[in-house]
């Protein structure tokens, strides 16, 4: 693979998966900046190794394994109380679950991107962990307006996804 096509493939992977990977990491590390750093480090490591990796055939798989391992490494360094059972059992089932969950985040993010601007902004802030009062203060809108945006977004997403895993994921993180 030449460097140009490798970079093009890497840029495409970045655009397609960055946000969902950040959401996945954020679920564990609970800090958006750290989650973004972890995902960026994963991409940097893959870019540095792109000449030795066969990215065409298994790029998505490598991304998910790398992300899962990077999150585990971060948790291991950040906490001496991190459950060793999680670190010691990177079985295929948990990898498949991670890949499935990241794909759900991607579907959710794609749906959130098409919400009306103010509604989307409220949901994005809520997904970052901000409560309704903080969102209202930051956007200079009333608490009730924030609640209305959340209700409207929930309705639109429920109309789109019904009772699927994507909707369950949204409801657990909102």
Foldseek 3Di string as FASTA:
>chain_A
DDLVVLVVVLVVCCVQQLQLQLLLLCVQPVASVVSNVLLVVLSVVCSVCVVVDPCVVQVLLSSLVSSLVSSVVVCVVVDVPPDVVSVPDPDPVVSVVSSVSSVLSSVLVVLLVPDPDVLSVLLVVLLSVDDLVVSCVVVVHDSVVSVVSPVVSLVSVCVVPPPDPSSVVSVVRD
